[in-house]
Every structure is written in C-alpha cells, then in structure tokens.
Amino acid sequence: MKNYREAPLLKLDDPSLREAAGTRRREIASTIEPARLTDALTLAALRVAMEALSGTAFVIRCNPVQILFTNTRGKAMYESNIRETLADLARIQTDAPSCDALVARFRSGPDEHALIVIRPPRLDVDRMRQHATTLWRLTPREADVAGFLMQSVGNKDIANALKCSTKTIEKHVSAVLAKAHADSRNALLAMVVGLLQLAE
C-alpha cells in the first residue's frame, strides 16, 4: 500500500487551477464579488462531493487536529463521541496505510490539511436488520425496507425489488426514519453500525 506521507502536496491557491475554471465562471464573477462566489462554489462542490463518498469523510487541519468539514456520516460519528473521533482522526492521519482509510494531504497557505475517508465496514445486513427490527419495533415490511436502506439502495430499486410503488416505499422509509429518530438514511446507517459495535 502506498505511503501517503510521500505524496506531493496540492496547493489550493495555484493560478493554473483558477484559470481552468473557464470563461463562464469569469462572466458570473463579474456580476458577483469574486471571493464570495469562489467560496460559495467551492463550498457547494465540497458538500456534494463529500456526501457522494461511500465512507465517513472529514477535511481536517492536521496539527493540531481540527475538523473543518464533514459529510453526514462524519457528523453522526463526531456527535456520538467527540473525543474518540478526534483521537481516531489523529491516529488515522499518521498511520493511514495500516488503517481502513484513505488519506489525501494538501497544503492551504501555511497549514497542512488532509481529506480522510474511512471506508465503511463490511456490513452484516441481516444482523443489522434484525437488530433494527427489535430495537425500533419495525413491521415486517419496514424491516425489509430498512435492510435495503442499510445497503444504500434507492427508493425506485427498493420498490422494484419489493414489487410495490415508489410512494409506498417513501412512506415506509419515513416510518423507519421516524421510529429510529434519524434525520437521514446515512444517520440511520451510522446509528445501526454504532449500536452493533456497542453490542459486541
């Protein structure tokens, strides 16, 4: 496995990166304050990219460890145990090749930063489904839907697999999330994984 410490650092303020944004951005930027537009576009792109990752993701300042941005799974992990999360991130950034995580380092000004993506654990969906059914008193159909949610399957695919309408699946998803007191699918998955780890 590659040692990430040897990877070259990416400079975020590189002029060639700004130039690559294209003419359209310059046209828009001429009507809006450029610094605010760049920040808004960067933040929006970062938010979308972080949520698209299959694992728990953090952008951190390396020394001292400070979380700058995270996806929904990272937020759930951080909120469940702040100290342990910070300790894990400090360990992962220095020992990435031996962890089940990807680390990409970059420099922004004088500070070194890292994008850390913790790969999701191999899930025992049947065990998770049984645990969720018992814990939240799910109906058999809600348990089926919860099993698909834990595999990150979309509503249309769940509807096709269970041979029912998408509207019906949306109602079941809402019921599962309400019973679990989860505000999103990712939060539900993080809760179930966390509860199973506590049970072990």
N, C-alpha and C. Protein backbone atom coordinates (compact mmCIF):
# COMPACT_ATOMS: atom_id res chain seq x y z
N MET A 1 0.84 -1.17 0.00
CA MET A 1 0.00 0.00 0.00
C MET A 1 0.89 1.24 0.00
N LYS A 2 0.47 2.28 -0.71
CA LYS A 2 1.28 3.48 -0.85
C LYS A 2 1.32 4.28 0.45
N ASN A 3 2.46 4.80 0.76
CA ASN A 3 2.60 5.64 1.94
C ASN A 3 2.19 7.06 1.55
N TYR A 4 1.14 7.57 2.15
CA TYR A 4 0.60 8.87 1.77
C TYR A 4 1.48 10.03 2.20
N ARG A 5 2.40 9.80 3.12
CA ARG A 5 3.31 10.87 3.54
C ARG A 5 4.21 11.30 2.38
N GLU A 6 4.46 10.40 1.44
CA GLU A 6 5.35 10.72 0.33
C GLU A 6 4.62 11.41 -0.83
N ALA A 7 3.27 11.47 -0.76
CA ALA A 7 2.51 12.09 -1.84
C ALA A 7 2.78 13.59 -1.88
N PRO A 8 2.89 14.17 -3.08
CA PRO A 8 3.13 15.61 -3.17
C PRO A 8 1.92 16.39 -2.65
N LEU A 9 2.18 17.54 -2.10
CA LEU A 9 1.10 18.37 -1.57
C LEU A 9 0.49 19.18 -2.70
N LEU A 10 -0.83 19.31 -2.69
CA LEU A 10 -1.56 20.08 -3.69
C LEU A 10 -1.76 21.49 -3.15
N LYS A 11 -1.36 22.48 -3.92
CA LYS A 11 -1.56 23.87 -3.48
C LYS A 11 -2.90 24.36 -4.01
N LEU A 12 -3.77 24.77 -3.09
CA LEU A 12 -5.11 25.22 -3.48
C LEU A 12 -5.10 26.58 -4.14
N ASP A 13 -4.05 27.37 -3.91
CA ASP A 13 -4.03 28.71 -4.48
C ASP A 13 -3.23 28.76 -5.79
N ASP A 14 -3.05 27.63 -6.44
CA ASP A 14 -2.31 27.54 -7.70
C ASP A 14 -3.06 28.32 -8.79
N PRO A 15 -2.42 29.30 -9.48
CA PRO A 15 -3.10 30.10 -10.51
C PRO A 15 -3.64 29.25 -11.66
N SER A 16 -2.97 28.16 -12.00
CA SER A 16 -3.44 27.33 -13.11
C SER A 16 -4.79 26.68 -12.78
N LEU A 17 -5.03 26.38 -11.49
CA LEU A 17 -6.32 25.83 -11.10
C LEU A 17 -7.43 26.86 -11.27
N ARG A 18 -7.11 28.11 -10.91
CA ARG A 18 -8.11 29.17 -11.08
C ARG A 18 -8.41 29.41 -12.55
N GLU A 19 -7.39 29.35 -13.39
CA GLU A 19 -7.58 29.60 -14.81
C GLU A 19 -8.41 28.49 -15.46
N ALA A 20 -8.30 27.27 -14.93
CA ALA A 20 -9.01 26.13 -15.50
C ALA A 20 -10.52 26.21 -15.29
N ALA A 21 -10.97 27.12 -14.45
CA ALA A 21 -12.40 27.24 -14.17
C ALA A 21 -13.20 27.67 -15.39
N GLY A 22 -12.57 28.35 -16.34
CA GLY A 22 -13.25 28.67 -17.60
C GLY A 22 -13.87 30.04 -17.67
N THR A 23 -14.34 30.35 -18.87
CA THR A 23 -14.88 31.66 -19.18
C THR A 23 -16.20 31.92 -18.48
N ARG A 24 -17.06 30.92 -18.40
CA ARG A 24 -18.39 31.10 -17.80
C ARG A 24 -18.28 31.60 -16.36
N ARG A 25 -17.35 31.06 -15.59
CA ARG A 25 -17.17 31.49 -14.22
C ARG A 25 -16.76 32.96 -14.16
N ARG A 26 -15.90 33.39 -15.11
CA ARG A 26 -15.48 34.80 -15.12
C ARG A 26 -16.67 35.70 -15.44
N GLU A 27 -17.56 35.24 -16.33
CA GLU A 27 -18.74 36.05 -16.65
C GLU A 27 -19.63 36.22 -15.42
N ILE A 28 -19.85 35.13 -14.69
CA ILE A 28 -20.67 35.19 -13.49
C ILE A 28 -19.97 36.03 -12.43
N ALA A 29 -18.68 35.82 -12.29
CA ALA A 29 -17.91 36.52 -11.26
C ALA A 29 -17.90 38.02 -11.46
N SER A 30 -18.08 38.47 -12.71
CA SER A 30 -18.06 39.90 -12.95
C SER A 30 -19.29 40.59 -12.35
N THR A 31 -20.37 39.83 -12.11
CA THR A 31 -21.57 40.43 -11.53
C THR A 31 -21.66 40.22 -10.02
N ILE A 32 -20.86 39.29 -9.47
CA ILE A 32 -20.87 39.00 -8.04
C ILE A 32 -19.44 39.16 -7.51
N GLU A 33 -19.29 39.53 -6.27
CA GLU A 33 -17.96 39.68 -5.69
C GLU A 33 -17.19 38.36 -5.86
N PRO A 34 -16.03 38.37 -6.53
CA PRO A 34 -15.32 37.14 -6.88
C PRO A 34 -14.96 36.25 -5.70
N ALA A 35 -14.49 36.81 -4.61
CA ALA A 35 -14.09 35.98 -3.47
C ALA A 35 -15.28 35.22 -2.89
N ARG A 36 -16.42 35.89 -2.78
CA ARG A 36 -17.61 35.25 -2.22
C ARG A 36 -18.14 34.17 -3.16
N LEU A 37 -18.09 34.40 -4.48
CA LEU A 37 -18.56 33.42 -5.44
C LEU A 37 -17.67 32.17 -5.38
N THR A 38 -16.36 32.39 -5.37
CA THR A 38 -15.43 31.28 -5.31
C THR A 38 -15.67 30.46 -4.05
N ASP A 39 -15.83 31.13 -2.92
CA ASP A 39 -16.08 30.42 -1.66
C ASP A 39 -17.40 29.64 -1.72
N ALA A 40 -18.45 30.25 -2.27
CA ALA A 40 -19.75 29.59 -2.35
C ALA A 40 -19.69 28.38 -3.28
N LEU A 41 -19.04 28.53 -4.44
CA LEU A 41 -18.92 27.41 -5.37
C LEU A 41 -18.07 26.29 -4.78
N THR A 42 -16.98 26.65 -4.14
CA THR A 42 -16.12 25.65 -3.53
C THR A 42 -16.86 24.90 -2.44
N LEU A 43 -17.57 25.62 -1.59
CA LEU A 43 -18.32 25.00 -0.50
C LEU A 43 -19.41 24.08 -1.04
N ALA A 44 -20.15 24.53 -2.05
CA ALA A 44 -21.21 23.71 -2.64
C ALA A 44 -20.63 22.44 -3.28
N ALA A 45 -19.53 22.58 -4.00
CA ALA A 45 -18.89 21.42 -4.63
C ALA A 45 -18.37 20.46 -3.57
N LEU A 46 -17.79 20.99 -2.52
CA LEU A 46 -17.27 20.16 -1.44
C LEU A 46 -18.41 19.40 -0.75
N ARG A 47 -19.52 20.08 -0.49
CA ARG A 47 -20.66 19.44 0.17
C ARG A 47 -21.18 18.27 -0.67
N VAL A 48 -21.35 18.49 -1.97
CA VAL A 48 -21.85 17.43 -2.86
C VAL A 48 -20.86 16.27 -2.94
N ALA A 49 -19.59 16.59 -3.10
CA ALA A 49 -18.57 15.55 -3.22
C ALA A 49 -18.46 14.73 -1.93
N MET A 50 -18.52 15.38 -0.79
CA MET A 50 -18.40 14.66 0.48
C MET A 50 -19.58 13.72 0.69
N GLU A 51 -20.79 14.15 0.34
CA GLU A 51 -21.97 13.29 0.51
C GLU A 51 -21.95 12.12 -0.47
N ALA A 52 -21.29 12.29 -1.63
CA ALA A 52 -21.23 11.23 -2.63
C ALA A 52 -20.28 10.10 -2.22
N LEU A 53 -19.39 10.36 -1.29
CA LEU A 53 -18.44 9.33 -0.85
C LEU A 53 -19.17 8.24 -0.08
N SER A 54 -18.73 7.01 -0.27
CA SER A 54 -19.41 5.89 0.38
C SER A 54 -19.02 5.72 1.84
N GLY A 55 -17.94 6.35 2.26
CA GLY A 55 -17.49 6.21 3.64
C GLY A 55 -17.72 7.47 4.45
N THR A 56 -17.24 7.45 5.66
CA THR A 56 -17.28 8.59 6.55
C THR A 56 -16.11 9.49 6.17
N ALA A 57 -16.39 10.76 5.89
CA ALA A 57 -15.35 11.64 5.34
C ALA A 57 -15.19 12.91 6.16
N PHE A 58 -13.93 13.32 6.30
CA PHE A 58 -13.58 14.54 7.04
C PHE A 58 -12.53 15.31 6.26
N VAL A 59 -12.61 16.65 6.29
CA VAL A 59 -11.49 17.50 5.91
C VAL A 59 -11.00 18.08 7.22
N ILE A 60 -9.70 17.87 7.50
CA ILE A 60 -9.16 18.31 8.78
C ILE A 60 -7.93 19.19 8.60
N ARG A 61 -7.66 20.02 9.60
CA ARG A 61 -6.35 20.68 9.73
C ARG A 61 -5.52 19.67 10.52
N CYS A 62 -4.30 19.42 10.06
CA CYS A 62 -3.52 18.31 10.63
C CYS A 62 -2.93 18.58 12.01
N ASN A 63 -2.39 19.76 12.25
CA ASN A 63 -1.69 19.96 13.51
C ASN A 63 -2.04 21.30 14.13
N PRO A 64 -2.82 21.36 15.16
CA PRO A 64 -3.48 20.25 15.84
C PRO A 64 -4.70 19.80 15.03
N VAL A 65 -5.19 18.59 15.31
CA VAL A 65 -6.33 18.06 14.55
C VAL A 65 -7.56 18.91 14.84
N GLN A 66 -8.12 19.43 13.75
CA GLN A 66 -9.34 20.24 13.85
C GLN A 66 -10.21 19.89 12.65
N ILE A 67 -11.46 19.52 12.87
CA ILE A 67 -12.37 19.16 11.79
C ILE A 67 -12.87 20.44 11.16
N LEU A 68 -12.67 20.55 9.84
CA LEU A 68 -13.12 21.73 9.10
C LEU A 68 -14.43 21.47 8.36
N PHE A 69 -14.61 20.23 7.90
CA PHE A 69 -15.80 19.89 7.12
C PHE A 69 -16.00 18.39 7.19
N THR A 70 -17.24 17.93 7.13
CA THR A 70 -17.53 16.50 7.16
C THR A 70 -18.82 16.21 6.41
N ASN A 71 -19.03 14.95 6.07
CA ASN A 71 -20.30 14.57 5.46
C ASN A 71 -21.26 14.12 6.57
N THR A 72 -22.46 13.66 6.20
CA THR A 72 -23.48 13.30 7.19
C THR A 72 -23.00 12.18 8.11
N ARG A 73 -22.33 11.18 7.53
CA ARG A 73 -21.83 10.07 8.35
C ARG A 73 -20.77 10.56 9.34
N GLY A 74 -19.91 11.46 8.87
CA GLY A 74 -18.89 12.02 9.76
C GLY A 74 -19.52 12.82 10.89
N LYS A 75 -20.57 13.57 10.56
CA LYS A 75 -21.25 14.37 11.58
C LYS A 75 -21.86 13.46 12.64
N ALA A 76 -22.48 12.36 12.20
CA ALA A 76 -23.08 11.42 13.16
C ALA A 76 -22.00 10.80 14.05
N MET A 77 -20.86 10.46 13.45
CA MET A 77 -19.75 9.87 14.21
C MET A 77 -19.21 10.89 15.22
N TYR A 78 -19.03 12.12 14.77
CA TYR A 78 -18.49 13.18 15.63
C TYR A 78 -19.44 13.48 16.79
N GLU A 79 -20.74 13.57 16.48
CA GLU A 79 -21.71 13.90 17.52
C GLU A 79 -21.89 12.78 18.54
N SER A 80 -21.63 11.53 18.13
CA SER A 80 -21.79 10.42 19.06
C SER A 80 -20.65 10.36 20.08
N ASN A 81 -19.42 10.76 19.67
CA ASN A 81 -18.30 10.74 20.61
C ASN A 81 -17.20 11.66 20.10
N ILE A 82 -17.20 12.89 20.54
CA ILE A 82 -16.29 13.91 20.04
C ILE A 82 -14.82 13.55 20.30
N ARG A 83 -14.49 13.21 21.51
CA ARG A 83 -13.08 12.93 21.85
C ARG A 83 -12.54 11.74 21.10
N GLU A 84 -13.32 10.67 21.04
CA GLU A 84 -12.87 9.46 20.34
C GLU A 84 -12.69 9.73 18.85
N THR A 85 -13.60 10.51 18.26
CA THR A 85 -13.49 10.84 16.83
C THR A 85 -12.20 11.61 16.57
N LEU A 86 -11.91 12.62 17.36
CA LEU A 86 -10.67 13.40 17.17
C LEU A 86 -9.44 12.53 17.36
N ALA A 87 -9.46 11.64 18.34
CA ALA A 87 -8.33 10.73 18.57
C ALA A 87 -8.16 9.78 17.38
N ASP A 88 -9.29 9.26 16.86
CA ASP A 88 -9.23 8.37 15.69
C ASP A 88 -8.64 9.10 14.48
N LEU A 89 -9.07 10.34 14.25
CA LEU A 89 -8.57 11.10 13.11
C LEU A 89 -7.08 11.38 13.25
N ALA A 90 -6.62 11.69 14.45
CA ALA A 90 -5.19 11.92 14.67
C ALA A 90 -4.40 10.64 14.38
N ARG A 91 -4.93 9.49 14.82
CA ARG A 91 -4.25 8.22 14.58
C ARG A 91 -4.25 7.87 13.09
N ILE A 92 -5.39 8.05 12.43
CA ILE A 92 -5.51 7.69 11.02
C ILE A 92 -4.58 8.54 10.16
N GLN A 93 -4.50 9.84 10.43
CA GLN A 93 -3.68 10.70 9.57
C GLN A 93 -2.20 10.34 9.65
N THR A 94 -1.76 9.78 10.76
CA THR A 94 -0.35 9.40 10.88
C THR A 94 -0.11 7.95 10.51
N ASP A 95 -1.16 7.13 10.49
CA ASP A 95 -0.99 5.69 10.28
C ASP A 95 -1.93 5.18 9.19
N ALA A 96 -2.20 5.99 8.16
CA ALA A 96 -3.18 5.66 7.13
C ALA A 96 -2.96 4.32 6.44
N PRO A 97 -1.74 3.97 6.05
CA PRO A 97 -1.59 2.71 5.31
C PRO A 97 -2.03 1.48 6.10
N SER A 98 -1.95 1.51 7.41
CA SER A 98 -2.36 0.35 8.18
C SER A 98 -3.83 0.41 8.61
N CYS A 99 -4.51 1.52 8.33
CA CYS A 99 -5.93 1.68 8.69
C CYS A 99 -6.79 1.40 7.48
N ASP A 100 -8.07 1.22 7.72
CA ASP A 100 -9.00 1.04 6.62
C ASP A 100 -9.54 2.41 6.22
N ALA A 101 -8.62 3.28 5.78
CA ALA A 101 -8.98 4.65 5.43
C ALA A 101 -8.09 5.15 4.29
N LEU A 102 -8.59 6.13 3.58
CA LEU A 102 -7.81 6.81 2.54
C LEU A 102 -7.48 8.20 3.06
N VAL A 103 -6.25 8.63 2.84
CA VAL A 103 -5.83 9.96 3.29
C VAL A 103 -5.17 10.69 2.13
N ALA A 104 -5.66 11.89 1.84
CA ALA A 104 -5.03 12.75 0.83
C ALA A 104 -4.64 14.04 1.52
N ARG A 105 -3.35 14.34 1.51
CA ARG A 105 -2.85 15.55 2.17
C ARG A 105 -2.72 16.68 1.16
N PHE A 106 -2.95 17.90 1.64
CA PHE A 106 -2.76 19.08 0.80
C PHE A 106 -2.41 20.26 1.70
N ARG A 107 -1.84 21.27 1.09
CA ARG A 107 -1.43 22.46 1.83
C ARG A 107 -2.27 23.64 1.35
N SER A 108 -2.78 24.40 2.31
CA SER A 108 -3.52 25.62 2.02
C SER A 108 -2.89 26.71 2.87
N GLY A 109 -2.10 27.57 2.23
CA GLY A 109 -1.36 28.57 3.00
C GLY A 109 -0.31 27.87 3.83
N PRO A 110 -0.11 28.29 5.08
CA PRO A 110 0.93 27.68 5.91
C PRO A 110 0.49 26.36 6.55
N ASP A 111 -0.81 26.05 6.51
CA ASP A 111 -1.32 24.87 7.21
C ASP A 111 -1.40 23.64 6.30
N GLU A 112 -1.12 22.48 6.88
CA GLU A 112 -1.31 21.23 6.17
C GLU A 112 -2.68 20.67 6.54
N HIS A 113 -3.40 20.21 5.52
CA HIS A 113 -4.73 19.67 5.71
C HIS A 113 -4.76 18.25 5.16
N ALA A 114 -5.83 17.53 5.45
CA ALA A 114 -6.00 16.19 4.92
C ALA A 114 -7.48 15.91 4.71
N LEU A 115 -7.74 15.18 3.63
CA LEU A 115 -9.07 14.61 3.40
C LEU A 115 -8.95 13.16 3.87
N ILE A 116 -9.77 12.77 4.82
CA ILE A 116 -9.74 11.41 5.34
C ILE A 116 -11.09 10.77 5.05
N VAL A 117 -11.06 9.64 4.36
CA VAL A 117 -12.28 8.88 4.09
C VAL A 117 -12.12 7.52 4.75
N ILE A 118 -12.94 7.27 5.74
CA ILE A 118 -12.91 5.99 6.45
C ILE A 118 -13.83 5.06 5.68
N ARG A 119 -13.26 3.99 5.18
CA ARG A 119 -14.06 3.05 4.39
C ARG A 119 -15.14 2.43 5.27
N PRO A 120 -16.34 2.27 4.69
CA PRO A 120 -17.40 1.67 5.51
C PRO A 120 -17.06 0.22 5.84
N PRO A 121 -17.46 -0.24 7.01
CA PRO A 121 -17.18 -1.64 7.36
C PRO A 121 -18.00 -2.58 6.49
N ARG A 122 -17.51 -3.77 6.33
CA ARG A 122 -18.30 -4.77 5.62
C ARG A 122 -19.51 -5.06 6.50
N LEU A 123 -20.68 -4.83 5.94
CA LEU A 123 -21.89 -4.87 6.75
C LEU A 123 -22.55 -6.25 6.74
N ASP A 124 -22.96 -6.69 7.88
CA ASP A 124 -23.78 -7.88 8.01
C ASP A 124 -25.22 -7.37 8.04
N VAL A 125 -25.80 -7.21 6.85
CA VAL A 125 -27.10 -6.56 6.72
C VAL A 125 -28.19 -7.33 7.46
N ASP A 126 -28.14 -8.67 7.41
CA ASP A 126 -29.18 -9.45 8.10
C ASP A 126 -29.14 -9.19 9.60
N ARG A 127 -27.94 -9.15 10.16
CA ARG A 127 -27.79 -8.90 11.60
C ARG A 127 -28.25 -7.48 11.94
N MET A 128 -27.89 -6.53 11.07
CA MET A 128 -28.29 -5.14 11.30
C MET A 128 -29.81 -5.01 11.22
N ARG A 129 -30.40 -5.69 10.25
CA ARG A 129 -31.85 -5.63 10.07
C ARG A 129 -32.57 -6.22 11.29
N GLN A 130 -32.09 -7.36 11.79
CA GLN A 130 -32.69 -7.97 12.97
C GLN A 130 -32.58 -7.03 14.18
N HIS A 131 -31.42 -6.45 14.34
CA HIS A 131 -31.20 -5.54 15.47
C HIS A 131 -32.14 -4.33 15.37
N ALA A 132 -32.24 -3.75 14.19
CA ALA A 132 -33.10 -2.58 13.98
C ALA A 132 -34.57 -2.94 14.20
N THR A 133 -34.98 -4.12 13.71
CA THR A 133 -36.38 -4.55 13.87
C THR A 133 -36.75 -4.68 15.34
N THR A 134 -35.86 -5.28 16.10
CA THR A 134 -36.11 -5.46 17.53
C THR A 134 -36.09 -4.13 18.27
N LEU A 135 -35.07 -3.33 17.99
CA LEU A 135 -34.88 -2.07 18.71
C LEU A 135 -36.00 -1.07 18.45
N TRP A 136 -36.40 -0.94 17.19
CA TRP A 136 -37.37 0.09 16.82
C TRP A 136 -38.77 -0.46 16.55
N ARG A 137 -38.96 -1.75 16.79
CA ARG A 137 -40.27 -2.40 16.60
C ARG A 137 -40.82 -2.14 15.20
N LEU A 138 -40.04 -2.51 14.21
CA LEU A 138 -40.43 -2.32 12.82
C LEU A 138 -41.39 -3.43 12.39
N THR A 139 -42.32 -3.07 11.50
CA THR A 139 -43.18 -4.09 10.90
C THR A 139 -42.33 -4.91 9.94
N PRO A 140 -42.82 -6.07 9.52
CA PRO A 140 -42.04 -6.88 8.57
C PRO A 140 -41.67 -6.11 7.29
N ARG A 141 -42.60 -5.32 6.76
CA ARG A 141 -42.30 -4.57 5.54
C ARG A 141 -41.29 -3.46 5.81
N GLU A 142 -41.43 -2.77 6.95
CA GLU A 142 -40.45 -1.75 7.32
C GLU A 142 -39.07 -2.36 7.51
N ALA A 143 -39.03 -3.57 8.06
CA ALA A 143 -37.75 -4.27 8.23
C ALA A 143 -37.11 -4.56 6.88
N ASP A 144 -37.94 -4.98 5.91
CA ASP A 144 -37.42 -5.21 4.55
C ASP A 144 -36.82 -3.93 3.97
N VAL A 145 -37.57 -2.84 4.12
CA VAL A 145 -37.11 -1.55 3.61
C VAL A 145 -35.84 -1.11 4.33
N ALA A 146 -35.79 -1.30 5.65
CA ALA A 146 -34.60 -0.94 6.43
C ALA A 146 -33.37 -1.71 5.94
N GLY A 147 -33.57 -2.99 5.60
CA GLY A 147 -32.47 -3.79 5.07
C GLY A 147 -31.90 -3.20 3.79
N PHE A 148 -32.78 -2.73 2.92
CA PHE A 148 -32.32 -2.08 1.69
C PHE A 148 -31.65 -0.75 1.98
N LEU A 149 -32.19 0.02 2.94
CA LEU A 149 -31.59 1.31 3.29
C LEU A 149 -30.17 1.13 3.79
N MET A 150 -29.94 0.06 4.53
CA MET A 150 -28.61 -0.21 5.08
C MET A 150 -27.60 -0.59 4.00
N GLN A 151 -28.11 -0.90 2.81
CA GLN A 151 -27.24 -1.20 1.67
C GLN A 151 -27.16 -0.02 0.71
N SER A 152 -27.72 1.13 1.11
CA SER A 152 -27.74 2.37 0.32
C SER A 152 -28.46 2.19 -1.02
N VAL A 153 -29.56 1.46 -1.00
CA VAL A 153 -30.37 1.24 -2.20
C VAL A 153 -31.40 2.37 -2.29
N GLY A 154 -31.62 2.89 -3.49
CA GLY A 154 -32.58 3.97 -3.70
C GLY A 154 -34.02 3.50 -3.68
N ASN A 155 -34.96 4.45 -3.54
CA ASN A 155 -36.39 4.13 -3.44
C ASN A 155 -36.91 3.36 -4.64
N LYS A 156 -36.52 3.75 -5.85
CA LYS A 156 -37.02 3.06 -7.06
C LYS A 156 -36.58 1.60 -7.08
N ASP A 157 -35.33 1.36 -6.73
CA ASP A 157 -34.82 -0.01 -6.73
C ASP A 157 -35.47 -0.84 -5.63
N ILE A 158 -35.74 -0.21 -4.48
CA ILE A 158 -36.43 -0.92 -3.40
C ILE A 158 -37.84 -1.28 -3.86
N ALA A 159 -38.52 -0.32 -4.50
CA ALA A 159 -39.88 -0.56 -5.00
C ALA A 159 -39.90 -1.71 -6.01
N ASN A 160 -38.92 -1.74 -6.89
CA ASN A 160 -38.86 -2.83 -7.88
C ASN A 160 -38.64 -4.18 -7.19
N ALA A 161 -37.74 -4.21 -6.22
CA ALA A 161 -37.42 -5.46 -5.53
C ALA A 161 -38.61 -5.97 -4.71
N LEU A 162 -39.36 -5.06 -4.10
CA LEU A 162 -40.49 -5.46 -3.26
C LEU A 162 -41.82 -5.44 -4.00
N LYS A 163 -41.76 -5.12 -5.30
CA LYS A 163 -42.94 -5.11 -6.17
C LYS A 163 -44.07 -4.25 -5.61
N CYS A 164 -43.74 -2.98 -5.35
CA CYS A 164 -44.74 -2.01 -4.91
C CYS A 164 -44.37 -0.64 -5.47
N SER A 165 -45.18 0.36 -5.19
CA SER A 165 -44.94 1.68 -5.77
C SER A 165 -43.87 2.44 -4.99
N THR A 166 -43.30 3.44 -5.66
CA THR A 166 -42.30 4.29 -5.02
C THR A 166 -42.91 5.08 -3.87
N LYS A 167 -44.17 5.49 -4.02
CA LYS A 167 -44.86 6.23 -2.95
C LYS A 167 -44.97 5.38 -1.69
N THR A 168 -45.27 4.11 -1.86
CA THR A 168 -45.36 3.20 -0.71
C THR A 168 -44.02 3.09 -0.02
N ILE A 169 -42.96 2.98 -0.81
CA ILE A 169 -41.60 2.88 -0.24
C ILE A 169 -41.26 4.17 0.51
N GLU A 170 -41.62 5.33 -0.06
CA GLU A 170 -41.35 6.60 0.61
C GLU A 170 -42.02 6.64 1.99
N LYS A 171 -43.24 6.11 2.08
CA LYS A 171 -43.95 6.07 3.37
C LYS A 171 -43.23 5.15 4.35
N HIS A 172 -42.77 3.99 3.86
CA HIS A 172 -42.05 3.06 4.73
C HIS A 172 -40.71 3.65 5.18
N VAL A 173 -40.01 4.33 4.27
CA VAL A 173 -38.74 4.96 4.63
C VAL A 173 -38.97 6.01 5.70
N SER A 174 -40.01 6.83 5.53
CA SER A 174 -40.33 7.85 6.53
C SER A 174 -40.66 7.22 7.88
N ALA A 175 -41.39 6.10 7.85
CA ALA A 175 -41.76 5.42 9.10
C ALA A 175 -40.51 4.86 9.80
N VAL A 176 -39.61 4.26 9.03
CA VAL A 176 -38.37 3.71 9.61
C VAL A 176 -37.53 4.82 10.22
N LEU A 177 -37.35 5.92 9.49
CA LEU A 177 -36.56 7.03 10.00
C LEU A 177 -37.19 7.64 11.25
N ALA A 178 -38.52 7.74 11.26
CA ALA A 178 -39.21 8.30 12.42
C ALA A 178 -39.05 7.40 13.65
N LYS A 179 -39.20 6.09 13.46
CA LYS A 179 -39.07 5.16 14.59
C LYS A 179 -37.64 5.14 15.13
N ALA A 180 -36.67 5.35 14.24
CA ALA A 180 -35.26 5.34 14.65
C ALA A 180 -34.81 6.72 15.14
N HIS A 181 -35.65 7.73 14.99
CA HIS A 181 -35.30 9.11 15.33
C HIS A 181 -34.05 9.55 14.55
N ALA A 182 -34.01 9.17 13.27
CA ALA A 182 -32.89 9.52 12.40
C ALA A 182 -33.38 10.56 11.40
N ASP A 183 -32.53 11.54 11.08
CA ASP A 183 -32.94 12.58 10.14
C ASP A 183 -32.54 12.28 8.70
N SER A 184 -31.78 11.20 8.46
CA SER A 184 -31.41 10.84 7.09
C SER A 184 -31.05 9.37 7.04
N ARG A 185 -30.91 8.85 5.82
CA ARG A 185 -30.52 7.45 5.62
C ARG A 185 -29.12 7.20 6.18
N ASN A 186 -28.21 8.15 5.93
CA ASN A 186 -26.84 7.99 6.43
C ASN A 186 -26.80 7.97 7.95
N ALA A 187 -27.61 8.82 8.56
CA ALA A 187 -27.67 8.85 10.03
C ALA A 187 -28.22 7.52 10.56
N LEU A 188 -29.20 6.94 9.86
CA LEU A 188 -29.76 5.65 10.24
C LEU A 188 -28.67 4.58 10.20
N LEU A 189 -27.92 4.54 9.12
CA LEU A 189 -26.85 3.56 8.97
C LEU A 189 -25.80 3.74 10.06
N ALA A 190 -25.41 4.98 10.30
CA ALA A 190 -24.40 5.24 11.34
C ALA A 190 -24.91 4.80 12.71
N MET A 191 -26.21 5.01 12.98
CA MET A 191 -26.78 4.60 14.26
C MET A 191 -26.73 3.08 14.42
N VAL A 192 -27.15 2.35 13.37
CA VAL A 192 -27.20 0.89 13.45
C VAL A 192 -25.80 0.32 13.61
N VAL A 193 -24.84 0.83 12.82
CA VAL A 193 -23.46 0.36 12.93
C VAL A 193 -22.91 0.65 14.33
N GLY A 194 -23.17 1.85 14.84
CA GLY A 194 -22.71 2.21 16.18
C GLY A 194 -23.33 1.33 17.26
N LEU A 195 -24.62 1.04 17.14
CA LEU A 195 -25.30 0.21 18.13
C LEU A 195 -24.76 -1.22 18.10
N LEU A 196 -24.49 -1.73 16.89
CA LEU A 196 -23.94 -3.08 16.79
C LEU A 196 -22.55 -3.15 17.40
N GLN A 197 -21.75 -2.10 17.20
CA GLN A 197 -20.41 -2.09 17.78
C GLN A 197 -20.48 -2.05 19.30
N LEU A 198 -21.45 -1.34 19.85
CA LEU A 198 -21.62 -1.29 21.30
C LEU A 198 -22.07 -2.65 21.85
N ALA A 199 -22.87 -3.36 21.05
CA ALA A 199 -23.40 -4.66 21.48
C ALA A 199 -22.31 -5.73 21.51
N GLU A 200 -21.23 -5.54 20.73
CA GLU A 200 -20.17 -6.57 20.63
C GLU A 200 -19.26 -6.59 21.82
